[in-house]
């Protein structure tokens, strides 16, 4: 059975690359939201 995330983007066998890319994007988004919250507070 294929993991949902890898089969959704057709990257079977490349789990570490997918997780690494997703983690980087998530960190950037969190930092942007935290920065905006800090500015507006």
N, C-alpha and C. Protein backbone atom coordinates (compact mmCIF):
# COMPACT_ATOMS: atom_id res chain seq x y z
N UNK A 1 0.84 -1.18 0.00
CA UNK A 1 0.00 0.00 0.00
C UNK A 1 0.88 1.25 0.00
N UNK A 2 0.59 2.16 -0.88
CA UNK A 2 1.39 3.37 -1.02
C UNK A 2 0.99 4.42 0.01
N UNK A 3 1.99 5.13 0.56
CA UNK A 3 1.62 6.28 1.41
C UNK A 3 0.88 7.33 0.59
N UNK A 4 -0.10 7.96 1.19
CA UNK A 4 -0.97 8.89 0.47
C UNK A 4 -0.20 10.05 -0.15
N UNK A 5 0.74 10.63 0.59
CA UNK A 5 1.44 11.81 0.08
C UNK A 5 2.30 11.47 -1.14
N UNK A 6 3.02 10.37 -1.09
CA UNK A 6 3.88 10.02 -2.21
C UNK A 6 3.09 9.61 -3.44
N UNK A 7 2.00 8.90 -3.26
CA UNK A 7 1.23 8.49 -4.43
C UNK A 7 0.48 9.67 -5.02
N UNK A 8 0.16 10.67 -4.19
CA UNK A 8 -0.55 11.84 -4.71
C UNK A 8 0.32 12.65 -5.65
N UNK A 9 1.64 12.66 -5.41
CA UNK A 9 2.54 13.45 -6.27
C UNK A 9 3.41 12.56 -7.14
N UNK A 10 3.15 11.27 -7.18
CA UNK A 10 3.88 10.32 -8.01
C UNK A 10 5.36 10.24 -7.68
N UNK A 11 5.72 10.25 -6.41
CA UNK A 11 7.12 10.18 -5.98
C UNK A 11 7.37 8.96 -5.09
N UNK A 12 6.94 7.80 -5.52
CA UNK A 12 7.12 6.59 -4.74
C UNK A 12 8.62 6.30 -4.59
N UNK A 13 9.05 6.02 -3.36
CA UNK A 13 10.45 5.72 -3.10
C UNK A 13 11.30 6.94 -2.81
N UNK A 14 10.72 8.12 -2.84
CA UNK A 14 11.48 9.35 -2.59
C UNK A 14 10.92 10.07 -1.36
N UNK A 15 10.60 9.29 -0.32
CA UNK A 15 9.94 9.85 0.86
C UNK A 15 10.78 10.91 1.54
N UNK A 16 12.09 10.67 1.68
CA UNK A 16 12.92 11.64 2.40
C UNK A 16 12.99 12.98 1.68
N UNK A 17 13.06 12.95 0.36
CA UNK A 17 13.09 14.20 -0.41
C UNK A 17 11.77 14.96 -0.27
N UNK A 18 10.67 14.23 -0.31
CA UNK A 18 9.36 14.86 -0.18
C UNK A 18 9.21 15.47 1.21
N UNK A 19 9.61 14.74 2.25
CA UNK A 19 9.48 15.23 3.62
C UNK A 19 10.39 16.44 3.84
N UNK A 20 11.61 16.39 3.29
CA UNK A 20 12.54 17.51 3.45
C UNK A 20 12.00 18.78 2.79
N UNK A 21 11.49 18.66 1.58
CA UNK A 21 10.93 19.81 0.87
C UNK A 21 9.71 20.36 1.61
N UNK A 22 8.86 19.47 2.07
CA UNK A 22 7.67 19.90 2.80
C UNK A 22 8.04 20.60 4.10
N UNK A 23 9.05 20.09 4.80
CA UNK A 23 9.48 20.70 6.05
C UNK A 23 10.03 22.10 5.81
N UNK A 24 10.82 22.29 4.78
CA UNK A 24 11.39 23.61 4.47
C UNK A 24 10.27 24.60 4.15
N UNK A 25 9.33 24.20 3.32
CA UNK A 25 8.21 25.09 2.96
C UNK A 25 7.40 25.43 4.21
N UNK A 26 7.15 24.44 5.06
CA UNK A 26 6.38 24.67 6.28
C UNK A 26 7.08 25.65 7.20
N UNK A 27 8.39 25.51 7.37
CA UNK A 27 9.15 26.42 8.23
C UNK A 27 9.09 27.84 7.69
N UNK A 28 9.22 28.01 6.39
CA UNK A 28 9.14 29.35 5.79
C UNK A 28 7.78 29.98 6.05
N UNK A 29 6.72 29.21 5.87
CA UNK A 29 5.37 29.73 6.11
C UNK A 29 5.18 30.10 7.58
N UNK A 30 5.64 29.25 8.49
CA UNK A 30 5.51 29.54 9.92
C UNK A 30 6.28 30.81 10.28
N UNK A 31 7.49 30.97 9.75
CA UNK A 31 8.28 32.17 10.05
C UNK A 31 7.60 33.42 9.49
N UNK A 32 7.01 33.32 8.32
CA UNK A 32 6.32 34.48 7.73
C UNK A 32 5.11 34.88 8.58
N UNK A 33 4.32 33.91 9.00
CA UNK A 33 3.15 34.20 9.83
C UNK A 33 3.58 34.74 11.19
N UNK A 34 4.62 34.16 11.78
CA UNK A 34 5.11 34.64 13.08
C UNK A 34 5.62 36.07 12.95
N UNK A 35 6.31 36.38 11.86
CA UNK A 35 6.81 37.72 11.64
C UNK A 35 5.67 38.74 11.50
N UNK A 36 4.66 38.38 10.76
CA UNK A 36 3.50 39.27 10.61
C UNK A 36 2.78 39.46 11.94
N UNK A 37 2.63 38.39 12.71
CA UNK A 37 1.98 38.50 14.02
C UNK A 37 2.80 39.40 14.94
N UNK A 38 4.11 39.30 14.89
CA UNK A 38 4.98 40.13 15.72
C UNK A 38 4.85 41.61 15.33
N UNK A 39 4.80 41.86 14.04
CA UNK A 39 4.68 43.25 13.55
C UNK A 39 3.35 43.85 13.95
N UNK A 40 2.27 43.07 13.82
CA UNK A 40 0.93 43.58 14.07
C UNK A 40 0.57 43.60 15.56
N UNK A 41 1.37 42.97 16.40
CA UNK A 41 1.03 42.89 17.84
C UNK A 41 1.36 44.20 18.55
